[in-house]
Amino acid sequence: MKESLTFDFCDMTIYDHYVVVVMKEGVNITPDYNNILVEVTDAYYADKPFVYITHRVNSYSVDPKIYYETAKIDNLIGFAVVSSNYKAKVNAQIEQMFFTKPFEIFTELEDAFSWANELIEKNS
């Protein structure tokens, strides 16, 4: 399965076991955006585990409190940040402290896919 969804703040690509999200330039991500994530994940991953992958190609800000809400999604088993930007990786290291589930930082999308597939295998 591969389906694309577009929102005013991001583009999402839905795969069988993970969702790849590209936030739009200049957006400030707050916990309110979590409601949309929950709706999407309920629709596509109802009772199966999935991994959230954020592909950080644009510059935007994240309120770290969002991770407390995101971690409450029961079937979310991991979170990955993909970026080649040093500043984005440093920010992700800070964000990592607010998330209670597996959280990894990658330079290449393919590495995040491999990690996500490993997590799915362990949780199936």
C-alpha atoms as a PDB file:
ATOM      1  CA  MET A   1       0.000   0.000   0.000  1.00  0.00           C
ATOM      2  CA  LYS A   2       1.181   3.498  -0.749  1.00  0.00           C
ATOM      3  CA  GLU A   3      -1.141   6.467  -0.559  1.00  0.00           C
ATOM      4  CA  SER A   4      -0.442  10.201  -0.417  1.00  0.00           C
ATOM      5  CA  LEU A   5      -2.350  12.695   1.714  1.00  0.00           C
ATOM      6  CA  THR A   6      -1.924  16.470   1.643  1.00  0.00           C
ATOM      7  CA  PHE A   7      -2.783  18.840   4.469  1.00  0.00           C
ATOM      8  CA  ASP A   8      -2.147  22.563   4.830  1.00  0.00           C
ATOM      9  CA  PHE A   9       0.804  21.867   7.163  1.00  0.00           C
ATOM     10  CA  CYS A  10       2.262  18.634   5.714  1.00  0.00           C
ATOM     11  CA  ASP A  11       2.300  15.890   3.116  1.00  0.00           C
ATOM     12  CA  MET A  12       1.940  12.287   4.281  1.00  0.00           C
ATOM     13  CA  THR A  13       2.771   9.083   2.452  1.00  0.00           C
ATOM     14  CA  ILE A  14       1.092   6.042   3.931  1.00  0.00           C
ATOM     15  CA  TYR A  15       2.906   2.702   3.612  1.00  0.00           C
ATOM     16  CA  ASP A  16       1.918  -0.683   5.049  1.00  0.00           C
ATOM     17  CA  HIS A  17       3.814  -0.267   8.310  1.00  0.00           C
ATOM     18  CA  TYR A  18       4.958   3.333   8.438  1.00  0.00           C
ATOM     19  CA  VAL A  19       3.922   6.846   7.550  1.00  0.00           C
ATOM     20  CA  VAL A  20       6.386   9.352   6.087  1.00  0.00           C
ATOM     21  CA  VAL A  21       5.585  12.974   6.847  1.00  0.00           C
ATOM     22  CA  VAL A  22       7.135  16.048   5.221  1.00  0.00           C
ATOM     23  CA  MET A  23       6.171  19.222   7.060  1.00  0.00           C
ATOM     24  CA  LYS A  24       5.718  22.402   5.063  1.00  0.00           C
ATOM     25  CA  GLU A  25       8.212  25.258   5.293  1.00  0.00           C
ATOM     26  CA  GLY A  26       7.802  27.593   8.292  1.00  0.00           C
ATOM     27  CA  VAL A  27       5.081  25.604  10.094  1.00  0.00           C
ATOM     28  CA  ASN A  28       5.008  25.540  13.908  1.00  0.00           C
ATOM     29  CA  ILE A  29       3.970  22.053  14.986  1.00  0.00           C
ATOM     30  CA  THR A  30       1.886  22.115  18.173  1.00  0.00           C
ATOM     31  CA  PRO A  31      -0.002  19.372  20.037  1.00  0.00           C
ATOM     32  CA  ASP A  32      -3.151  20.358  18.105  1.00  0.00           C
ATOM     33  CA  TYR A  33      -1.681  18.716  15.011  1.00  0.00           C
ATOM     34  CA  ASN A  34      -1.705  15.438  16.896  1.00  0.00           C
ATOM     35  CA  ASN A  35      -5.465  15.149  16.398  1.00  0.00           C
ATOM     36  CA  ILE A  36      -4.959  14.901  12.642  1.00  0.00           C
ATOM     37  CA  LEU A  37      -2.204  12.319  13.106  1.00  0.00           C
ATOM     38  CA  VAL A  38      -4.518  10.249  15.312  1.00  0.00           C
ATOM     39  CA  GLU A  39      -7.319  10.414  12.718  1.00  0.00           C
ATOM     40  CA  VAL A  40      -4.983   9.314   9.926  1.00  0.00           C
ATOM     41  CA  THR A  41      -3.399   6.520  11.931  1.00  0.00           C
ATOM     42  CA  ASP A  42      -6.802   5.267  13.126  1.00  0.00           C
ATOM     43  CA  ALA A  43      -7.931   5.104   9.519  1.00  0.00           C
ATOM     44  CA  TYR A  44      -4.847   3.359   8.107  1.00  0.00           C
ATOM     45  CA  TYR A  45      -3.325   1.436  11.005  1.00  0.00           C
ATOM     46  CA  ALA A  46      -6.409   0.650  13.112  1.00  0.00           C
ATOM     47  CA  ASP A  47      -5.092  -2.296  15.111  1.00  0.00           C
ATOM     48  CA  LYS A  48      -1.618  -2.837  13.739  1.00  0.00           C
ATOM     49  CA  PRO A  49       1.736  -1.401  14.785  1.00  0.00           C
ATOM     50  CA  PHE A  50       3.299   1.411  12.758  1.00  0.00           C
ATOM     51  CA  VAL A  51       6.286   3.770  12.772  1.00  0.00           C
ATOM     52  CA  TYR A  52       6.156   7.535  12.209  1.00  0.00           C
ATOM     53  CA  ILE A  53       8.977   8.851  10.000  1.00  0.00           C
ATOM     54  CA  THR A  54       9.445  12.590   9.629  1.00  0.00           C
ATOM     55  CA  HIS A  55      11.526  13.523   6.595  1.00  0.00           C
ATOM     56  CA  ARG A  56      12.852  16.965   7.466  1.00  0.00           C
ATOM     57  CA  VAL A  57      13.473  18.612   4.120  1.00  0.00           C
ATOM     58  CA  ASN A  58      11.970  21.970   5.146  1.00  0.00           C
ATOM     59  CA  SER A  59      12.621  24.280   8.074  1.00  0.00           C
ATOM     60  CA  TYR A  60       9.894  24.316  10.738  1.00  0.00           C
ATOM     61  CA  SER A  61       9.574  24.342  14.507  1.00  0.00           C
ATOM     62  CA  VAL A  62       8.257  21.672  16.862  1.00  0.00           C
ATOM     63  CA  ASP A  63       6.787  22.207  20.308  1.00  0.00           C
ATOM     64  CA  PRO A  64       8.406  19.309  22.235  1.00  0.00           C
ATOM     65  CA  LYS A  65       5.180  18.840  24.229  1.00  0.00           C
ATOM     66  CA  ILE A  66       3.745  17.219  21.110  1.00  0.00           C
ATOM     67  CA  TYR A  67       5.763  14.091  21.881  1.00  0.00           C
ATOM     68  CA  TYR A  68       3.872  13.465  25.122  1.00  0.00           C
ATOM     69  CA  GLU A  69       0.648  13.299  23.103  1.00  0.00           C
ATOM     70  CA  THR A  70       2.147  11.365  20.202  1.00  0.00           C
ATOM     71  CA  ALA A  71       3.544   8.723  22.573  1.00  0.00           C
ATOM     72  CA  LYS A  72      -0.020   8.029  23.752  1.00  0.00           C
ATOM     73  CA  ILE A  73      -0.897   6.491  20.376  1.00  0.00           C
ATOM     74  CA  ASP A  74      -0.952   2.830  21.452  1.00  0.00           C
ATOM     75  CA  ASN A  75       0.052   1.215  18.171  1.00  0.00           C
ATOM     76  CA  LEU A  76       2.814   3.736  17.411  1.00  0.00           C
ATOM     77  CA  ILE A  77       5.961   1.700  18.088  1.00  0.00           C
ATOM     78  CA  GLY A  78       8.675   4.086  16.916  1.00  0.00           C
ATOM     79  CA  PHE A  79       9.547   7.547  15.666  1.00  0.00           C
ATOM     80  CA  ALA A  80      12.297   8.408  13.183  1.00  0.00           C
ATOM     81  CA  VAL A  81      13.740  11.725  12.049  1.00  0.00           C
ATOM     82  CA  VAL A  82      15.471  11.804   8.667  1.00  0.00           C
ATOM     83  CA  SER A  83      17.624  14.796   7.787  1.00  0.00           C
ATOM     84  CA  SER A  84      21.038  15.656   6.416  1.00  0.00           C
ATOM     85  CA  ASN A  85      20.887  19.049   8.141  1.00  0.00           C
ATOM     86  CA  TYR A  86      23.088  19.307  11.239  1.00  0.00           C
ATOM     87  CA  LYS A  87      20.769  21.754  13.028  1.00  0.00           C
ATOM     88  CA  ALA A  88      17.732  19.546  12.392  1.00  0.00           C
ATOM     89  CA  LYS A  89      19.607  16.571  13.862  1.00  0.00           C
ATOM     90  CA  VAL A  90      20.606  18.531  16.976  1.00  0.00           C
ATOM     91  CA  ASN A  91      16.997  19.634  17.425  1.00  0.00           C
ATOM     92  CA  ALA A  92      15.884  16.012  17.026  1.00  0.00           C
ATOM     93  CA  GLN A  93      18.292  14.957  19.795  1.00  0.00           C
ATOM     94  CA  ILE A  94      16.550  17.410  22.126  1.00  0.00           C
ATOM     95  CA  GLU A  95      13.108  16.227  20.990  1.00  0.00           C
ATOM     96  CA  GLN A  96      14.207  12.637  21.642  1.00  0.00           C
ATOM     97  CA  MET A  97      14.277  13.380  25.382  1.00  0.00           C
ATOM     98  CA  PHE A  98      10.513  14.046  25.356  1.00  0.00           C
ATOM     99  CA  PHE A  99       9.515  10.769  23.656  1.00  0.00           C
ATOM    100  CA  THR A 100       9.120   7.533  25.588  1.00  0.00           C
ATOM    101  CA  LYS A 101       9.195   5.062  22.689  1.00  0.00           C
ATOM    102  CA  PRO A 102      12.037   4.118  20.306  1.00  0.00           C
ATOM    103  CA  PHE A 103      13.271   7.284  18.562  1.00  0.00           C
ATOM    104  CA  GLU A 104      16.112   7.288  16.036  1.00  0.00           C
ATOM    105  CA  ILE A 105      17.775   9.888  13.826  1.00  0.00           C
ATOM    106  CA  PHE A 106      18.916   9.040  10.295  1.00  0.00           C
ATOM    107  CA  THR A 107      20.539  10.785   7.351  1.00  0.00           C
ATOM    108  CA  GLU A 108      18.937   8.568   4.692  1.00  0.00           C
ATOM    109  CA  LEU A 109      15.272   7.648   4.289  1.00  0.00           C
ATOM    110  CA  GLU A 110      16.201   4.059   3.357  1.00  0.00           C
ATOM    111  CA  ASP A 111      17.919   3.604   6.735  1.00  0.00           C
ATOM    112  CA  ALA A 112      14.755   4.757   8.510  1.00  0.00           C
ATOM    113  CA  PHE A 113      12.708   2.289   6.434  1.00  0.00           C
ATOM    114  CA  SER A 114      15.031  -0.565   7.446  1.00  0.00           C
ATOM    115  CA  TRP A 115      14.832   0.404  11.119  1.00  0.00           C
ATOM    116  CA  ALA A 116      11.027   0.689  10.917  1.00  0.00           C
ATOM    117  CA  ASN A 117      10.776  -2.763   9.341  1.00  0.00           C
ATOM    118  CA  GLU A 118      12.955  -4.222  12.112  1.00  0.00           C
ATOM    119  CA  LEU A 119      10.685  -2.664  14.756  1.00  0.00           C
ATOM    120  CA  ILE A 120       7.594  -4.047  13.006  1.00  0.00           C
ATOM    121  CA  GLU A 121       9.115  -7.538  12.911  1.00  0.00           C
ATOM    122  CA  LYS A 122       9.919  -7.383  16.640  1.00  0.00           C
ATOM    123  CA  ASN A 123       6.374  -6.214  17.457  1.00  0.00           C
ATOM    124  CA  SER A 124       4.418  -8.592  15.242  1.00  0.00           C
END
